[in-house]
Amino acid sequence: MEEPIGTLTPLSDTDQMIADPEQDVRGRTVIDSNGEKVGTVADLLVDTVENHVRFLRVAHGGILGIGAVSSFIPVDAVRRVTDDEVLIDSAKDRVAGAPQYDPDLVDQRDYYEKIYGHYGYPPYWAPGYLYPPFPGIR
């Protein structure tokens, strides 16, 4: 088992709140690089030590929520946030092929490395990593 990389917790499991409720992206539709609907932001995975959101947990697939699966998308993939949508730079099929959400692996370095590698981003613990500057997520 890999050593934990920090304290990453679903926002819904903490007592933390988004400072400006209008910037809370949970419940917004995720749109891919081709303009297609991917799914809905179900939760945010927060680094409670540095107080940064690291991943969006996106529910996708299924019908009316039945049979839906969840995948993490690094915040680095977010290109724009509107009042109703979160636009990402990846295609829908890339999200569908991402390592699925597994609550038993949430604090394992290998799991996160696979997610970052799948999307082509360096992990946030890599030397020189800069947190992406965009509104709606922090």
C-alpha atoms as a PDB file:
ATOM      1  CA  MET A   1       0.000   0.000   0.000  1.00  0.00           C
ATOM      2  CA  GLU A   2       1.267   3.441  -0.943  1.00  0.00           C
ATOM      3  CA  GLU A   3       2.020   6.083   1.639  1.00  0.00           C
ATOM      4  CA  PRO A   4      -0.668   8.778   1.976  1.00  0.00           C
ATOM      5  CA  ILE A   5       0.160  12.047   0.216  1.00  0.00           C
ATOM      6  CA  GLY A   6      -1.814  14.355   2.437  1.00  0.00           C
ATOM      7  CA  THR A   7      -5.264  14.888   3.725  1.00  0.00           C
ATOM      8  CA  LEU A   8      -7.652  14.756   0.772  1.00  0.00           C
ATOM      9  CA  THR A   9     -11.282  14.658   1.803  1.00  0.00           C
ATOM     10  CA  PRO A  10     -14.586  15.057  -0.025  1.00  0.00           C
ATOM     11  CA  LEU A  11     -15.875  18.548   0.767  1.00  0.00           C
ATOM     12  CA  SER A  12     -19.209  17.014   1.744  1.00  0.00           C
ATOM     13  CA  ASP A  13     -17.405  15.105   4.535  1.00  0.00           C
ATOM     14  CA  THR A  14     -15.888  18.245   6.077  1.00  0.00           C
ATOM     15  CA  ASP A  15     -17.239  21.221   7.945  1.00  0.00           C
ATOM     16  CA  GLN A  16     -15.618  23.519   5.374  1.00  0.00           C
ATOM     17  CA  MET A  17     -17.676  25.735   3.112  1.00  0.00           C
ATOM     18  CA  ILE A  18     -17.031  27.600  -0.113  1.00  0.00           C
ATOM     19  CA  ALA A  19     -16.491  31.243   0.896  1.00  0.00           C
ATOM     20  CA  ASP A  20     -18.789  32.500  -1.870  1.00  0.00           C
ATOM     21  CA  PRO A  21     -21.726  30.082  -2.392  1.00  0.00           C
ATOM     22  CA  GLU A  22     -22.151  31.355  -5.963  1.00  0.00           C
ATOM     23  CA  GLN A  23     -18.715  29.892  -6.751  1.00  0.00           C
ATOM     24  CA  ASP A  24     -19.619  26.395  -5.523  1.00  0.00           C
ATOM     25  CA  VAL A  25     -19.482  24.221  -8.657  1.00  0.00           C
ATOM     26  CA  ARG A  26     -21.204  21.188  -7.136  1.00  0.00           C
ATOM     27  CA  GLY A  27     -24.327  20.339  -9.113  1.00  0.00           C
ATOM     28  CA  ARG A  28     -23.087  22.074 -12.264  1.00  0.00           C
ATOM     29  CA  THR A  29     -22.939  20.272 -15.591  1.00  0.00           C
ATOM     30  CA  VAL A  30     -19.488  19.266 -16.832  1.00  0.00           C
ATOM     31  CA  ILE A  31     -18.939  19.976 -20.533  1.00  0.00           C
ATOM     32  CA  ASP A  32     -16.071  18.381 -22.446  1.00  0.00           C
ATOM     33  CA  SER A  33     -13.692  19.884 -25.022  1.00  0.00           C
ATOM     34  CA  ASN A  34     -16.155  18.987 -27.806  1.00  0.00           C
ATOM     35  CA  GLY A  35     -19.104  20.730 -26.153  1.00  0.00           C
ATOM     36  CA  GLU A  36     -20.709  17.450 -25.011  1.00  0.00           C
ATOM     37  CA  LYS A  37     -22.206  16.874 -21.579  1.00  0.00           C
ATOM     38  CA  VAL A  38     -20.007  14.606 -19.455  1.00  0.00           C
ATOM     39  CA  GLY A  39     -21.945  14.515 -16.202  1.00  0.00           C
ATOM     40  CA  THR A  40     -22.462  16.521 -13.036  1.00  0.00           C
ATOM     41  CA  VAL A  41     -20.040  17.711 -10.355  1.00  0.00           C
ATOM     42  CA  ALA A  42     -21.053  15.518  -7.418  1.00  0.00           C
ATOM     43  CA  ASP A  43     -18.393  16.661  -4.953  1.00  0.00           C
ATOM     44  CA  LEU A  44     -14.992  18.274  -4.583  1.00  0.00           C
ATOM     45  CA  LEU A  45     -11.930  16.521  -3.203  1.00  0.00           C
ATOM     46  CA  VAL A  46     -10.215  19.014  -0.932  1.00  0.00           C
ATOM     47  CA  ASP A  47      -6.659  19.119   0.344  1.00  0.00           C
ATOM     48  CA  THR A  48      -7.512  20.193   3.886  1.00  0.00           C
ATOM     49  CA  VAL A  49      -3.868  20.997   4.708  1.00  0.00           C
ATOM     50  CA  GLU A  50      -3.362  23.510   1.865  1.00  0.00           C
ATOM     51  CA  ASN A  51      -7.079  24.357   1.588  1.00  0.00           C
ATOM     52  CA  HIS A  52      -7.240  23.701  -2.159  1.00  0.00           C
ATOM     53  CA  VAL A  53      -9.628  21.684  -4.256  1.00  0.00           C
ATOM     54  CA  ARG A  54      -7.576  19.035  -6.073  1.00  0.00           C
ATOM     55  CA  PHE A  55     -10.256  17.079  -7.959  1.00  0.00           C
ATOM     56  CA  LEU A  56     -13.856  17.274  -9.091  1.00  0.00           C
ATOM     57  CA  ARG A  57     -15.817  14.078  -8.483  1.00  0.00           C
ATOM     58  CA  VAL A  58     -18.035  13.806 -11.534  1.00  0.00           C
ATOM     59  CA  ALA A  59     -21.006  11.460 -11.729  1.00  0.00           C
ATOM     60  CA  HIS A  60     -21.573  10.278 -15.293  1.00  0.00           C
ATOM     61  CA  GLY A  61     -23.369   7.596 -17.246  1.00  0.00           C
ATOM     62  CA  GLY A  62     -26.494   5.803 -16.136  1.00  0.00           C
ATOM     63  CA  ILE A  63     -30.074   6.936 -16.550  1.00  0.00           C
ATOM     64  CA  LEU A  64     -31.580   9.417 -14.097  1.00  0.00           C
ATOM     65  CA  GLY A  65     -28.683   8.724 -11.741  1.00  0.00           C
ATOM     66  CA  ILE A  66     -29.224   4.955 -11.734  1.00  0.00           C
ATOM     67  CA  GLY A  67     -26.093   3.129 -12.790  1.00  0.00           C
ATOM     68  CA  ALA A  68     -23.992   6.295 -12.771  1.00  0.00           C
ATOM     69  CA  VAL A  69     -20.300   5.984 -11.953  1.00  0.00           C
ATOM     70  CA  SER A  70     -17.960   8.580 -10.529  1.00  0.00           C
ATOM     71  CA  SER A  71     -14.537   9.647 -11.729  1.00  0.00           C
ATOM     72  CA  PHE A  72     -12.116  12.278 -10.506  1.00  0.00           C
ATOM     73  CA  ILE A  73     -11.043  15.065 -12.828  1.00  0.00           C
ATOM     74  CA  PRO A  74      -8.031  17.137 -11.739  1.00  0.00           C
ATOM     75  CA  VAL A  75      -8.845  20.823 -11.296  1.00  0.00           C
ATOM     76  CA  ASP A  76      -6.024  21.415 -13.786  1.00  0.00           C
ATOM     77  CA  ALA A  77      -8.401  20.211 -16.549  1.00  0.00           C
ATOM     78  CA  VAL A  78     -10.957  22.948 -15.840  1.00  0.00           C
ATOM     79  CA  ARG A  79     -10.792  25.711 -18.435  1.00  0.00           C
ATOM     80  CA  ARG A  80     -13.801  27.810 -17.553  1.00  0.00           C
ATOM     81  CA  VAL A  81     -16.608  27.980 -15.032  1.00  0.00           C
ATOM     82  CA  THR A  82     -19.979  29.553 -15.808  1.00  0.00           C
ATOM     83  CA  ASP A  83     -23.099  29.913 -13.678  1.00  0.00           C
ATOM     84  CA  ASP A  84     -24.327  26.486 -14.824  1.00  0.00           C
ATOM     85  CA  GLU A  85     -21.341  24.670 -16.311  1.00  0.00           C
ATOM     86  CA  VAL A  86     -17.761  23.567 -15.755  1.00  0.00           C
ATOM     87  CA  LEU A  87     -15.895  23.319 -19.048  1.00  0.00           C
ATOM     88  CA  ILE A  88     -12.923  20.946 -19.187  1.00  0.00           C
ATOM     89  CA  ASP A  89     -10.164  20.412 -21.742  1.00  0.00           C
ATOM     90  CA  SER A  90     -10.715  16.643 -22.051  1.00  0.00           C
ATOM     91  CA  ALA A  91     -13.129  14.654 -24.192  1.00  0.00           C
ATOM     92  CA  LYS A  92     -16.046  12.724 -22.709  1.00  0.00           C
ATOM     93  CA  ASP A  93     -14.505   9.353 -23.601  1.00  0.00           C
ATOM     94  CA  ARG A  94     -11.308  10.279 -21.733  1.00  0.00           C
ATOM     95  CA  VAL A  95     -13.354  10.951 -18.586  1.00  0.00           C
ATOM     96  CA  ALA A  96     -15.243   7.678 -19.075  1.00  0.00           C
ATOM     97  CA  GLY A  97     -11.916   5.823 -19.304  1.00  0.00           C
ATOM     98  CA  ALA A  98     -10.423   7.420 -16.183  1.00  0.00           C
ATOM     99  CA  PRO A  99      -9.763   5.386 -13.055  1.00  0.00           C
ATOM    100  CA  GLN A 100     -13.124   5.257 -11.320  1.00  0.00           C
ATOM    101  CA  TYR A 101     -13.726   6.698  -7.896  1.00  0.00           C
ATOM    102  CA  ASP A 102     -12.811   4.241  -5.175  1.00  0.00           C
ATOM    103  CA  PRO A 103     -13.225   5.523  -1.598  1.00  0.00           C
ATOM    104  CA  ASP A 104     -10.760   2.886  -0.373  1.00  0.00           C
ATOM    105  CA  LEU A 105      -7.985   4.414  -2.505  1.00  0.00           C
ATOM    106  CA  VAL A 106      -8.604   8.083  -1.780  1.00  0.00           C
ATOM    107  CA  ASP A 107      -5.345   8.584   0.142  1.00  0.00           C
ATOM    108  CA  GLN A 108      -3.038   6.465  -1.991  1.00  0.00           C
ATOM    109  CA  ARG A 109      -0.341   8.119  -4.097  1.00  0.00           C
ATOM    110  CA  ASP A 110      -0.464   5.467  -6.830  1.00  0.00           C
ATOM    111  CA  TYR A 111      -4.189   6.051  -7.390  1.00  0.00           C
ATOM    112  CA  TYR A 112      -3.701   9.805  -7.822  1.00  0.00           C
ATOM    113  CA  GLU A 113      -0.688   9.326 -10.072  1.00  0.00           C
ATOM    114  CA  LYS A 114      -2.852   7.171 -12.356  1.00  0.00           C
ATOM    115  CA  ILE A 115      -5.521   9.877 -12.503  1.00  0.00           C
ATOM    116  CA  TYR A 116      -3.032  12.661 -13.244  1.00  0.00           C
ATOM    117  CA  GLY A 117      -1.254  10.468 -15.797  1.00  0.00           C
ATOM    118  CA  HIS A 118      -4.548   9.596 -17.481  1.00  0.00           C
ATOM    119  CA  TYR A 119      -5.280  13.293 -18.036  1.00  0.00           C
ATOM    120  CA  GLY A 120      -1.662  14.207 -18.819  1.00  0.00           C
ATOM    121  CA  TYR A 121      -0.987  16.524 -15.866  1.00  0.00           C
ATOM    122  CA  PRO A 122       1.805  16.454 -13.290  1.00  0.00           C
ATOM    123  CA  PRO A 123       0.577  15.675  -9.762  1.00  0.00           C
ATOM    124  CA  TYR A 124       0.200  18.548  -7.343  1.00  0.00           C
ATOM    125  CA  TRP A 125       3.099  17.251  -5.228  1.00  0.00           C
ATOM    126  CA  ALA A 126       5.522  17.431  -8.180  1.00  0.00           C
ATOM    127  CA  PRO A 127       8.325  20.002  -7.909  1.00  0.00           C
ATOM    128  CA  GLY A 128       7.313  23.325  -9.459  1.00  0.00           C
ATOM    129  CA  TYR A 129       3.565  22.562  -9.484  1.00  0.00           C
ATOM    130  CA  LEU A 130       1.427  25.708  -9.578  1.00  0.00           C
ATOM    131  CA  TYR A 131      -2.200  25.655  -8.528  1.00  0.00           C
ATOM    132  CA  PRO A 132      -4.358  26.608 -11.549  1.00  0.00           C
ATOM    133  CA  PRO A 133      -5.803  30.132 -11.370  1.00  0.00           C
ATOM    134  CA  PHE A 134      -9.521  30.140 -12.167  1.00  0.00           C
ATOM    135  CA  PRO A 135     -12.669  31.255 -10.387  1.00  0.00           C
ATOM    136  CA  GLY A 136     -15.098  28.927  -8.693  1.00  0.00           C
ATOM    137  CA  ILE A 137     -12.648  26.477  -7.224  1.00  0.00           C
ATOM    138  CA  ARG A 138     -10.234  27.025  -4.384  1.00  0.00           C
END
